[in-house]
């Protein structure tokens, strides 16, 4: 396929489009932007809660993707790769802004592997479905506000799991965290959200 039409571009897999982009095909890069501009912006906006900043970070994300496209490994999902770049940009921005996103229980950010495993949430936890039932509907302003108060790592996990509906394994890949850590962060983030939402009643 030497010169794909717009319809033909749309029919290609992400990996195939990336191969063209890595060879310098501008149309391929435009196709990747078409596919991921909205989901990348959505993730960034929910992370930083500022439309203009999210737009800037989205542009920064796609520039990084273009510059690093040859480093993409096709055995991994392209969506995980680009969301990882976007998430890192958002977390770096939040840390630069020094937002007050410490855990409500005051627990330190660094934890031992044993502590993480001891508090790991089982996927079958009955409370998971309760939060998913709430977040499956359009998020209200109170829930949005509460998510915005979580520390960046917790916020990423909640957005990727309960808003984007991504599996735990993909979240671990996007965030570069062990699977047990992701489950722990989601478990603690849910607990913090319950406390924050209870305080608004």
N, C-alpha and C. Protein backbone atom coordinates (compact mmCIF):
# COMPACT_ATOMS: atom_id res chain seq x y z
N UNK A 1 0.86 -1.19 0.00
CA UNK A 1 0.00 0.00 0.00
C UNK A 1 0.90 1.24 0.00
N UNK A 2 1.12 1.78 -1.19
CA UNK A 2 2.08 2.87 -1.31
C UNK A 2 1.50 4.23 -0.96
N UNK A 3 0.23 4.45 -1.30
CA UNK A 3 -0.37 5.75 -1.04
C UNK A 3 -1.83 5.56 -0.62
N UNK A 4 -2.07 5.14 0.63
CA UNK A 4 -3.42 4.81 1.07
C UNK A 4 -4.35 6.02 1.00
N UNK A 5 -5.60 5.72 0.66
CA UNK A 5 -6.63 6.75 0.71
C UNK A 5 -7.09 6.90 2.15
N UNK A 6 -7.85 7.98 2.49
CA UNK A 6 -8.37 8.12 3.86
C UNK A 6 -9.13 6.90 4.33
N UNK A 7 -9.92 6.29 3.44
CA UNK A 7 -10.67 5.08 3.82
C UNK A 7 -9.72 3.94 4.13
N UNK A 8 -8.68 3.80 3.31
CA UNK A 8 -7.70 2.73 3.53
C UNK A 8 -6.90 2.95 4.81
N UNK A 9 -6.57 4.21 5.12
CA UNK A 9 -5.88 4.48 6.38
C UNK A 9 -6.74 4.01 7.54
N UNK A 10 -8.03 4.31 7.49
CA UNK A 10 -8.94 3.97 8.58
C UNK A 10 -9.05 2.46 8.78
N UNK A 11 -8.79 1.69 7.72
CA UNK A 11 -8.91 0.24 7.81
C UNK A 11 -7.66 -0.42 8.38
N UNK A 12 -6.57 0.31 8.44
CA UNK A 12 -5.31 -0.25 8.93
C UNK A 12 -5.31 -0.34 10.45
N UNK A 13 -4.57 -1.31 10.98
CA UNK A 13 -4.39 -1.40 12.43
C UNK A 13 -3.46 -0.29 12.91
N UNK A 14 -3.47 -0.03 14.20
CA UNK A 14 -2.56 0.97 14.76
C UNK A 14 -1.12 0.63 14.41
N UNK A 15 -0.76 -0.66 14.54
CA UNK A 15 0.63 -1.06 14.28
C UNK A 15 1.03 -0.78 12.84
N UNK A 16 0.09 -1.01 11.91
CA UNK A 16 0.39 -0.75 10.50
C UNK A 16 0.55 0.75 10.23
N UNK A 17 -0.30 1.55 10.84
CA UNK A 17 -0.20 3.00 10.67
C UNK A 17 1.12 3.51 11.26
N UNK A 18 1.49 2.96 12.41
CA UNK A 18 2.74 3.38 13.05
C UNK A 18 3.93 3.05 12.16
N UNK A 19 3.89 1.89 11.51
CA UNK A 19 5.00 1.54 10.61
C UNK A 19 5.16 2.58 9.52
N UNK A 20 4.05 3.04 8.96
CA UNK A 20 4.11 4.10 7.95
C UNK A 20 4.63 5.40 8.56
N UNK A 21 4.16 5.72 9.76
CA UNK A 21 4.59 6.96 10.42
C UNK A 21 6.09 6.94 10.69
N UNK A 22 6.60 5.76 11.09
CA UNK A 22 8.03 5.63 11.38
C UNK A 22 8.88 5.82 10.13
N UNK A 23 8.27 5.63 8.97
CA UNK A 23 8.99 5.84 7.70
C UNK A 23 8.85 7.28 7.21
N UNK A 24 8.24 8.12 8.04
CA UNK A 24 8.14 9.52 7.69
C UNK A 24 6.90 9.91 6.93
N UNK A 25 5.90 9.02 6.90
CA UNK A 25 4.66 9.34 6.19
C UNK A 25 3.80 10.29 7.02
N UNK A 26 3.67 11.52 6.58
CA UNK A 26 2.91 12.52 7.32
C UNK A 26 1.43 12.13 7.44
N UNK A 27 0.89 11.51 6.39
CA UNK A 27 -0.51 11.10 6.42
C UNK A 27 -0.76 10.05 7.51
N UNK A 28 0.22 9.21 7.75
CA UNK A 28 0.08 8.20 8.80
C UNK A 28 0.03 8.86 10.17
N UNK A 29 0.87 9.84 10.36
CA UNK A 29 0.87 10.54 11.65
C UNK A 29 -0.45 11.28 11.85
N UNK A 30 -0.98 11.87 10.78
CA UNK A 30 -2.28 12.54 10.88
C UNK A 30 -3.38 11.55 11.25
N UNK A 31 -3.25 10.32 10.73
CA UNK A 31 -4.25 9.29 11.06
C UNK A 31 -4.18 8.91 12.54
N UNK A 32 -2.98 8.85 13.09
CA UNK A 32 -2.84 8.55 14.52
C UNK A 32 -3.45 9.67 15.36
N UNK A 33 -3.23 10.90 14.94
CA UNK A 33 -3.84 12.03 15.65
C UNK A 33 -5.36 11.95 15.56
N UNK A 34 -5.88 11.62 14.38
CA UNK A 34 -7.33 11.50 14.22
C UNK A 34 -7.91 10.47 15.18
N UNK A 35 -7.19 9.35 15.34
CA UNK A 35 -7.69 8.26 16.18
C UNK A 35 -7.59 8.58 17.67
N UNK A 36 -6.56 9.31 18.05
CA UNK A 36 -6.27 9.43 19.49
C UNK A 36 -6.37 10.84 20.05
N UNK A 37 -6.67 11.82 19.22
CA UNK A 37 -6.74 13.19 19.73
C UNK A 37 -7.79 13.32 20.83
N UNK A 38 -8.97 12.79 20.58
CA UNK A 38 -10.06 12.94 21.56
C UNK A 38 -9.80 12.14 22.85
N UNK A 39 -9.45 10.84 22.77
CA UNK A 39 -9.21 10.10 24.02
C UNK A 39 -8.01 10.63 24.81
N UNK A 40 -6.96 11.08 24.11
CA UNK A 40 -5.80 11.63 24.82
C UNK A 40 -6.20 12.93 25.53
N UNK A 41 -6.92 13.80 24.82
CA UNK A 41 -7.37 15.05 25.45
C UNK A 41 -8.27 14.76 26.64
N UNK A 42 -9.18 13.79 26.50
CA UNK A 42 -10.10 13.44 27.58
C UNK A 42 -9.35 13.01 28.84
N UNK A 43 -8.34 12.15 28.66
CA UNK A 43 -7.54 11.71 29.80
C UNK A 43 -6.83 12.90 30.45
N UNK A 44 -6.20 13.73 29.63
CA UNK A 44 -5.45 14.87 30.15
C UNK A 44 -6.37 15.88 30.85
N UNK A 45 -7.52 16.13 30.25
CA UNK A 45 -8.44 17.10 30.85
C UNK A 45 -8.94 16.62 32.21
N UNK A 46 -9.24 15.34 32.33
CA UNK A 46 -9.71 14.82 33.62
C UNK A 46 -8.59 14.79 34.65
N UNK A 47 -7.35 14.72 34.16
CA UNK A 47 -6.22 14.74 35.09
C UNK A 47 -5.93 16.14 35.60
N UNK A 48 -5.87 17.13 34.69
CA UNK A 48 -5.44 18.48 35.08
C UNK A 48 -6.59 19.44 35.30
N UNK A 49 -7.80 19.09 34.81
CA UNK A 49 -9.02 19.87 35.05
C UNK A 49 -8.87 21.32 34.56
N UNK A 50 -8.19 21.47 33.42
CA UNK A 50 -8.00 22.79 32.82
C UNK A 50 -7.93 22.57 31.31
N UNK A 51 -8.92 23.10 30.58
CA UNK A 51 -9.03 22.80 29.15
C UNK A 51 -7.82 23.29 28.37
N UNK A 52 -7.40 24.53 28.61
CA UNK A 52 -6.27 25.08 27.86
C UNK A 52 -4.99 24.30 28.14
N UNK A 53 -4.79 23.97 29.41
CA UNK A 53 -3.61 23.20 29.77
C UNK A 53 -3.66 21.80 29.16
N UNK A 54 -4.84 21.19 29.17
CA UNK A 54 -5.00 19.86 28.57
C UNK A 54 -4.69 19.90 27.08
N UNK A 55 -5.10 20.97 26.41
CA UNK A 55 -4.80 21.10 24.98
C UNK A 55 -3.29 21.22 24.75
N UNK A 56 -2.63 21.99 25.61
CA UNK A 56 -1.16 22.13 25.50
C UNK A 56 -0.47 20.79 25.73
N UNK A 57 -0.95 20.05 26.74
CA UNK A 57 -0.34 18.76 27.06
C UNK A 57 -0.62 17.73 25.96
N UNK A 58 -1.79 17.83 25.34
CA UNK A 58 -2.10 16.93 24.23
C UNK A 58 -1.14 17.18 23.07
N UNK A 59 -0.90 18.46 22.77
CA UNK A 59 0.05 18.80 21.71
C UNK A 59 1.45 18.29 22.07
N UNK A 60 1.83 18.47 23.33
CA UNK A 60 3.13 17.98 23.79
C UNK A 60 3.21 16.47 23.65
N UNK A 61 2.12 15.78 23.97
CA UNK A 61 2.08 14.32 23.86
C UNK A 61 2.33 13.87 22.44
N UNK A 62 1.62 14.47 21.48
CA UNK A 62 1.77 14.04 20.09
C UNK A 62 3.14 14.39 19.51
N UNK A 63 3.73 15.47 19.99
CA UNK A 63 5.10 15.79 19.57
C UNK A 63 6.06 14.72 20.08
N UNK A 64 5.86 14.30 21.33
CA UNK A 64 6.72 13.25 21.90
C UNK A 64 6.52 11.94 21.15
N UNK A 65 5.26 11.65 20.80
CA UNK A 65 4.97 10.42 20.04
C UNK A 65 5.70 10.45 18.70
N UNK A 66 5.64 11.58 18.01
CA UNK A 66 6.31 11.70 16.72
C UNK A 66 7.82 11.51 16.86
N UNK A 67 8.39 12.14 17.87
CA UNK A 67 9.84 12.08 18.07
C UNK A 67 10.32 10.69 18.49
N UNK A 68 9.41 9.92 19.13
CA UNK A 68 9.81 8.61 19.66
C UNK A 68 9.15 7.46 18.93
N UNK A 69 8.53 7.72 17.78
CA UNK A 69 7.74 6.70 17.09
C UNK A 69 8.56 5.47 16.75
N UNK A 70 9.85 5.64 16.49
CA UNK A 70 10.69 4.49 16.15
C UNK A 70 10.97 3.60 17.35
N UNK A 71 10.70 4.11 18.56
CA UNK A 71 10.92 3.31 19.77
C UNK A 71 9.70 2.47 20.14
N UNK A 72 8.58 2.69 19.44
CA UNK A 72 7.38 1.91 19.75
C UNK A 72 7.59 0.46 19.38
N UNK A 73 7.21 -0.43 20.29
CA UNK A 73 7.34 -1.88 20.07
C UNK A 73 5.97 -2.45 19.73
N UNK A 74 5.79 -2.97 18.52
CA UNK A 74 4.46 -3.36 18.04
C UNK A 74 3.83 -4.52 18.80
N UNK A 75 4.59 -5.23 19.64
CA UNK A 75 3.96 -6.30 20.42
C UNK A 75 3.08 -5.75 21.54
N UNK A 76 3.20 -4.44 21.81
CA UNK A 76 2.35 -3.79 22.81
C UNK A 76 1.28 -2.97 22.12
N UNK A 77 0.16 -2.77 22.82
CA UNK A 77 -0.91 -1.95 22.25
C UNK A 77 -0.43 -0.51 22.09
N UNK A 78 -0.68 0.07 20.93
CA UNK A 78 -0.28 1.47 20.72
C UNK A 78 -1.03 2.38 21.67
N UNK A 79 -2.30 2.07 21.95
CA UNK A 79 -3.07 2.91 22.86
C UNK A 79 -2.42 2.99 24.23
N UNK A 80 -1.90 1.86 24.72
CA UNK A 80 -1.22 1.86 26.02
C UNK A 80 0.01 2.76 25.98
N UNK A 81 0.73 2.70 24.87
CA UNK A 81 1.96 3.48 24.73
C UNK A 81 1.67 4.97 24.73
N UNK A 82 0.69 5.39 23.94
CA UNK A 82 0.41 6.82 23.85
C UNK A 82 -0.23 7.34 25.12
N UNK A 83 -1.09 6.53 25.78
CA UNK A 83 -1.68 6.97 27.04
C UNK A 83 -0.63 7.07 28.14
N UNK A 84 0.38 6.22 28.07
CA UNK A 84 1.47 6.31 29.05
C UNK A 84 2.21 7.64 28.89
N UNK A 85 2.48 8.03 27.66
CA UNK A 85 3.15 9.31 27.40
C UNK A 85 2.28 10.47 27.89
N UNK A 86 0.99 10.41 27.60
CA UNK A 86 0.07 11.47 28.03
C UNK A 86 -0.05 11.52 29.55
N UNK A 87 -0.17 10.37 30.17
CA UNK A 87 -0.30 10.33 31.63
C UNK A 87 0.94 10.88 32.31
N UNK A 88 2.11 10.52 31.79
CA UNK A 88 3.36 11.03 32.37
C UNK A 88 3.42 12.55 32.25
N UNK A 89 2.95 13.08 31.12
CA UNK A 89 2.95 14.53 30.94
C UNK A 89 2.03 15.20 31.95
N UNK A 90 0.87 14.58 32.19
CA UNK A 90 -0.08 15.14 33.16
C UNK A 90 0.47 15.09 34.58
N UNK A 91 1.06 13.96 34.95
CA UNK A 91 1.59 13.83 36.31
C UNK A 91 2.77 14.78 36.52
N UNK A 92 3.62 14.92 35.52
CA UNK A 92 4.73 15.88 35.63
C UNK A 92 4.19 17.29 35.85
N UNK A 93 3.13 17.64 35.13
CA UNK A 93 2.53 18.96 35.26
C UNK A 93 1.93 19.15 36.64
N UNK A 94 1.22 18.14 37.14
CA UNK A 94 0.60 18.24 38.46
C UNK A 94 1.66 18.37 39.55
N UNK A 95 2.75 17.68 39.40
CA UNK A 95 3.82 17.77 40.39
C UNK A 95 4.48 19.14 40.34
N UNK A 96 4.61 19.68 39.14
CA UNK A 96 5.20 21.03 39.03
C UNK A 96 4.29 22.07 39.70
N UNK A 97 3.01 21.84 39.60
CA UNK A 97 2.07 22.76 40.23
C UNK A 97 1.95 22.53 41.73
N UNK A 98 2.60 21.47 42.20
CA UNK A 98 2.60 21.17 43.64
C UNK A 98 1.19 21.14 44.22
N UNK A 99 0.32 20.44 43.53
CA UNK A 99 -1.05 20.33 44.03
C UNK A 99 -1.09 19.51 45.31
N UNK A 100 -2.03 19.83 46.16
CA UNK A 100 -2.19 19.09 47.42
C UNK A 100 -2.96 17.82 47.14
N UNK A 101 -2.21 16.77 46.73
CA UNK A 101 -2.86 15.52 46.36
C UNK A 101 -2.36 14.36 47.21
N UNK A 102 -1.92 14.64 48.41
CA UNK A 102 -1.48 13.58 49.30
C UNK A 102 -2.66 12.72 49.72
N UNK A 103 -2.39 11.48 49.99
CA UNK A 103 -3.45 10.58 50.45
C UNK A 103 -4.08 11.10 51.73
N UNK A 104 -5.39 10.93 51.87
CA UNK A 104 -6.08 11.44 53.05
C UNK A 104 -5.61 10.79 54.33
N UNK A 105 -5.14 9.54 54.22
CA UNK A 105 -4.71 8.87 55.44
C UNK A 105 -3.27 9.20 55.80
N UNK A 106 -2.65 10.05 54.99
CA UNK A 106 -1.29 10.49 55.30
C UNK A 106 -0.23 9.45 55.05
N UNK A 107 -0.60 8.35 54.38
CA UNK A 107 0.37 7.31 54.16
C UNK A 107 1.41 7.77 53.16
N UNK A 108 2.67 7.37 53.30
CA UNK A 108 3.73 7.80 52.40
C UNK A 108 3.53 7.24 51.00
N UNK A 109 4.11 7.92 50.00
CA UNK A 109 3.97 7.48 48.62
C UNK A 109 4.73 6.19 48.39
N UNK A 110 5.90 6.03 49.01
CA UNK A 110 6.70 4.85 48.80
C UNK A 110 6.28 3.77 49.78
N UNK A 111 6.00 2.56 49.26
CA UNK A 111 5.57 1.48 50.11
C UNK A 111 6.35 0.23 49.74
N UNK A 112 6.54 -0.64 50.73
CA UNK A 112 7.24 -1.88 50.46
C UNK A 112 6.37 -2.81 49.63
N UNK A 113 7.01 -3.75 48.95
CA UNK A 113 6.24 -4.71 48.14
C UNK A 113 5.32 -5.53 49.02
N UNK A 114 5.79 -5.85 50.24
CA UNK A 114 4.97 -6.63 51.16
C UNK A 114 3.71 -5.87 51.57
N UNK A 115 3.88 -4.56 51.82
CA UNK A 115 2.73 -3.74 52.22
C UNK A 115 1.72 -3.64 51.09
N UNK A 116 2.23 -3.51 49.86
CA UNK A 116 1.34 -3.42 48.71
C UNK A 116 0.55 -4.71 48.54
N UNK A 117 1.25 -5.83 48.61
CA UNK A 117 0.57 -7.11 48.43
C UNK A 117 -0.44 -7.38 49.54
N UNK A 118 -0.12 -6.91 50.76
CA UNK A 118 -1.01 -7.14 51.90
C UNK A 118 -2.32 -6.40 51.76
N UNK A 119 -2.31 -5.30 51.00
CA UNK A 119 -3.53 -4.49 50.87
C UNK A 119 -4.12 -4.57 49.47
N UNK A 120 -3.62 -5.49 48.66
CA UNK A 120 -4.10 -5.59 47.28
C UNK A 120 -5.57 -5.94 47.25
N UNK A 121 -6.30 -5.22 46.41
CA UNK A 121 -7.73 -5.46 46.24
C UNK A 121 -7.94 -6.62 45.30
N UNK A 122 -8.78 -7.54 45.69
CA UNK A 122 -9.14 -8.63 44.80
C UNK A 122 -10.12 -8.12 43.75
N UNK A 123 -10.00 -8.59 42.51
CA UNK A 123 -10.84 -8.10 41.43
C UNK A 123 -12.31 -8.34 41.73
N UNK A 124 -12.60 -9.36 42.46
CA UNK A 124 -13.99 -9.70 42.73
C UNK A 124 -14.59 -8.94 43.90
N UNK A 125 -13.88 -7.95 44.43
CA UNK A 125 -14.39 -7.17 45.56
C UNK A 125 -15.78 -6.64 45.25
N UNK A 126 -16.73 -6.90 46.14
CA UNK A 126 -18.13 -6.52 45.88
C UNK A 126 -18.30 -5.02 45.76
N UNK A 127 -17.40 -4.25 46.41
CA UNK A 127 -17.56 -2.80 46.38
C UNK A 127 -17.21 -2.21 45.03
N UNK A 128 -16.46 -2.97 44.20
CA UNK A 128 -16.07 -2.45 42.89
C UNK A 128 -17.30 -2.14 42.05
N UNK A 129 -18.26 -3.05 42.05
CA UNK A 129 -19.43 -2.86 41.19
C UNK A 129 -20.23 -1.64 41.61
N UNK A 130 -20.20 -1.30 42.91
CA UNK A 130 -20.94 -0.14 43.37
C UNK A 130 -20.39 1.14 42.76
N UNK A 131 -19.06 1.27 42.74
CA UNK A 131 -18.46 2.48 42.17
C UNK A 131 -18.61 2.49 40.66
N UNK A 132 -18.48 1.32 40.02
CA UNK A 132 -18.63 1.25 38.58
C UNK A 132 -20.05 1.63 38.17
N UNK A 133 -21.02 1.28 39.01
CA UNK A 133 -22.40 1.64 38.70
C UNK A 133 -22.57 3.15 38.69
N UNK A 134 -21.88 3.82 39.61
CA UNK A 134 -21.96 5.28 39.67
C UNK A 134 -21.22 5.91 38.50
N UNK A 135 -20.00 5.44 38.25
CA UNK A 135 -19.17 6.07 37.24
C UNK A 135 -19.56 5.69 35.82
N UNK A 136 -20.39 4.65 35.67
CA UNK A 136 -20.85 4.30 34.33
C UNK A 136 -21.84 5.34 33.82
N UNK A 137 -22.49 6.05 34.72
CA UNK A 137 -23.36 7.15 34.32
C UNK A 137 -22.50 8.41 34.16
N UNK A 138 -23.10 9.44 33.61
CA UNK A 138 -22.37 10.69 33.43
C UNK A 138 -21.92 11.21 34.79
N UNK A 139 -20.63 11.51 34.87
CA UNK A 139 -20.09 11.96 36.15
C UNK A 139 -20.64 13.32 36.52
N UNK A 140 -21.12 13.43 37.73
CA UNK A 140 -21.59 14.72 38.22
C UNK A 140 -20.43 15.59 38.66
N UNK A 141 -20.72 16.83 38.92
CA UNK A 141 -19.66 17.77 39.29
C UNK A 141 -19.00 17.39 40.60
N UNK A 142 -19.76 16.81 41.53
CA UNK A 142 -19.17 16.42 42.82
C UNK A 142 -18.15 15.30 42.64
N UNK A 143 -18.48 14.33 41.80
CA UNK A 143 -17.55 13.23 41.57
C UNK A 143 -16.32 13.73 40.83
N UNK A 144 -16.53 14.57 39.82
CA UNK A 144 -15.41 15.15 39.09
C UNK A 144 -14.48 15.90 40.04
N UNK A 145 -15.08 16.69 40.92
CA UNK A 145 -14.30 17.47 41.87
C UNK A 145 -13.52 16.56 42.81
N UNK A 146 -14.18 15.48 43.27
CA UNK A 146 -13.52 14.55 44.19
C UNK A 146 -12.34 13.86 43.51
N UNK A 147 -12.52 13.44 42.26
CA UNK A 147 -11.42 12.80 41.53
C UNK A 147 -10.25 13.77 41.40
N UNK A 148 -10.57 15.05 41.20
CA UNK A 148 -9.53 16.07 41.06
C UNK A 148 -8.72 16.30 42.32
N UNK A 149 -9.21 15.81 43.45
CA UNK A 149 -8.50 15.98 44.72
C UNK A 149 -7.59 14.80 45.05
N UNK A 150 -7.69 13.74 44.26
CA UNK A 150 -6.83 12.58 44.50
C UNK A 150 -5.40 12.88 44.09
N UNK A 151 -4.44 12.22 44.72
CA UNK A 151 -3.06 12.36 44.27
C UNK A 151 -2.95 11.83 42.85
N UNK A 152 -1.99 12.31 42.07
CA UNK A 152 -1.95 11.99 40.63
C UNK A 152 -2.03 10.51 40.29
N UNK A 153 -1.29 9.67 41.01
CA UNK A 153 -1.27 8.24 40.68
C UNK A 153 -2.65 7.61 40.90
N UNK A 154 -3.32 8.00 41.99
CA UNK A 154 -4.66 7.48 42.26
C UNK A 154 -5.62 7.96 41.19
N UNK A 155 -5.48 9.23 40.83
CA UNK A 155 -6.36 9.84 39.84
C UNK A 155 -6.25 9.09 38.50
N UNK A 156 -5.01 8.82 38.08
CA UNK A 156 -4.80 8.09 36.83
C UNK A 156 -5.51 6.75 36.86
N UNK A 157 -5.33 6.03 37.95
CA UNK A 157 -5.92 4.69 38.07
C UNK A 157 -7.44 4.73 37.98
N UNK A 158 -8.05 5.67 38.70
CA UNK A 158 -9.51 5.77 38.71
C UNK A 158 -10.03 6.15 37.32
N UNK A 159 -9.38 7.10 36.68
CA UNK A 159 -9.82 7.54 35.35
C UNK A 159 -9.70 6.40 34.34
N UNK A 160 -8.56 5.71 34.35
CA UNK A 160 -8.34 4.64 33.38
C UNK A 160 -9.26 3.45 33.64
N UNK A 161 -9.53 3.17 34.92
CA UNK A 161 -10.36 2.01 35.24
C UNK A 161 -11.85 2.30 35.11
N UNK A 162 -12.31 3.36 35.75
CA UNK A 162 -13.75 3.57 35.89
C UNK A 162 -14.36 4.53 34.87
N UNK A 163 -13.53 5.32 34.21
CA UNK A 163 -14.04 6.21 33.17
C UNK A 163 -13.74 5.63 31.79
N UNK A 164 -12.48 5.20 31.59
CA UNK A 164 -12.11 4.61 30.30
C UNK A 164 -12.43 3.12 30.23
N UNK A 165 -12.63 2.48 31.39
CA UNK A 165 -12.99 1.07 31.41
C UNK A 165 -11.87 0.13 31.01
N UNK A 166 -10.63 0.51 31.29
CA UNK A 166 -9.49 -0.31 30.89
C UNK A 166 -9.21 -1.40 31.92
N UNK A 167 -8.77 -2.57 31.47
CA UNK A 167 -8.47 -3.66 32.40
C UNK A 167 -7.26 -3.34 33.27
N UNK A 168 -7.18 -4.01 34.40
CA UNK A 168 -6.09 -3.77 35.34
C UNK A 168 -4.73 -3.96 34.67
N UNK A 169 -4.61 -5.00 33.84
CA UNK A 169 -3.32 -5.29 33.21
C UNK A 169 -2.87 -4.15 32.31
N UNK A 170 -3.80 -3.57 31.56
CA UNK A 170 -3.43 -2.46 30.68
C UNK A 170 -3.09 -1.21 31.48
N UNK A 171 -3.80 -0.99 32.58
CA UNK A 171 -3.48 0.15 33.44
C UNK A 171 -2.06 0.02 33.98
N UNK A 172 -1.71 -1.19 34.39
CA UNK A 172 -0.35 -1.43 34.89
C UNK A 172 0.68 -1.13 33.82
N UNK A 173 0.36 -1.50 32.57
CA UNK A 173 1.28 -1.24 31.46
C UNK A 173 1.39 0.26 31.18
N UNK A 174 0.25 0.96 31.20
CA UNK A 174 0.26 2.40 30.93
C UNK A 174 1.04 3.15 31.99
N UNK A 175 0.82 2.79 33.26
CA UNK A 175 1.43 3.52 34.36
C UNK A 175 2.82 3.01 34.71
N UNK A 176 3.21 1.87 34.15
CA UNK A 176 4.51 1.31 34.46
C UNK A 176 4.61 0.85 35.90
N UNK A 177 3.51 0.27 36.40
CA UNK A 177 3.44 -0.18 37.78
C UNK A 177 3.14 -1.67 37.84
N UNK A 178 3.55 -2.34 38.94
CA UNK A 178 3.15 -3.75 39.11
C UNK A 178 1.63 -3.85 39.23
N UNK A 179 1.08 -4.97 38.79
CA UNK A 179 -0.36 -5.16 38.82
C UNK A 179 -0.92 -5.01 40.23
N UNK A 180 -0.22 -5.56 41.21
CA UNK A 180 -0.68 -5.44 42.60
C UNK A 180 -0.74 -4.00 43.07
N UNK A 181 0.20 -3.18 42.62
CA UNK A 181 0.20 -1.77 43.00
C UNK A 181 -1.00 -1.05 42.40
N UNK A 182 -1.32 -1.37 41.16
CA UNK A 182 -2.49 -0.75 40.51
C UNK A 182 -3.76 -1.09 41.29
N UNK A 183 -3.92 -2.35 41.66
CA UNK A 183 -5.11 -2.76 42.42
C UNK A 183 -5.17 -2.03 43.76
N UNK A 184 -4.01 -1.89 44.39
CA UNK A 184 -3.96 -1.18 45.68
C UNK A 184 -4.35 0.28 45.52
N UNK A 185 -3.79 0.93 44.50
CA UNK A 185 -4.10 2.35 44.27
C UNK A 185 -5.59 2.55 44.00
N UNK A 186 -6.18 1.65 43.19
CA UNK A 186 -7.60 1.77 42.89
C UNK A 186 -8.43 1.56 44.15
N UNK A 187 -8.05 0.59 44.94
CA UNK A 187 -8.75 0.32 46.21
C UNK A 187 -8.71 1.55 47.12
N UNK A 188 -7.55 2.13 47.27
CA UNK A 188 -7.41 3.30 48.16
C UNK A 188 -8.09 4.53 47.56
N UNK A 189 -8.00 4.67 46.24
CA UNK A 189 -8.66 5.81 45.59
C UNK A 189 -10.16 5.74 45.79
N UNK A 190 -10.74 4.56 45.68
CA UNK A 190 -12.18 4.40 45.92
C UNK A 190 -12.54 4.82 47.33
N UNK A 191 -11.73 4.38 48.28
CA UNK A 191 -12.01 4.73 49.68
C UNK A 191 -11.94 6.24 49.88
N UNK A 192 -10.95 6.89 49.26
CA UNK A 192 -10.83 8.34 49.39
C UNK A 192 -12.03 9.03 48.73
N UNK A 193 -12.46 8.52 47.59
CA UNK A 193 -13.61 9.12 46.92
C UNK A 193 -14.86 9.02 47.79
N UNK A 194 -15.04 7.89 48.45
CA UNK A 194 -16.21 7.73 49.33
C UNK A 194 -16.19 8.76 50.45
N UNK A 195 -15.00 8.98 51.02
CA UNK A 195 -14.86 9.95 52.10
C UNK A 195 -15.15 11.36 51.57
N UNK A 196 -14.55 11.69 50.42
CA UNK A 196 -14.74 13.02 49.84
C UNK A 196 -16.19 13.27 49.47
N UNK A 197 -16.84 12.27 48.90
CA UNK A 197 -18.24 12.43 48.51
C UNK A 197 -19.16 12.48 49.71
N UNK A 198 -18.79 11.75 50.78
CA UNK A 198 -19.60 11.80 52.00
C UNK A 198 -19.54 13.19 52.63
N UNK A 199 -18.39 13.84 52.49
CA UNK A 199 -18.23 15.18 53.07
C UNK A 199 -19.03 16.24 52.33
N UNK A 200 -19.46 15.91 51.10
CA UNK A 200 -20.22 16.91 50.33
C UNK A 200 -21.72 16.79 50.55
N UNK A 201 -22.13 15.77 51.29
CA UNK A 201 -23.57 15.58 51.51
C UNK A 201 -24.09 16.52 52.58
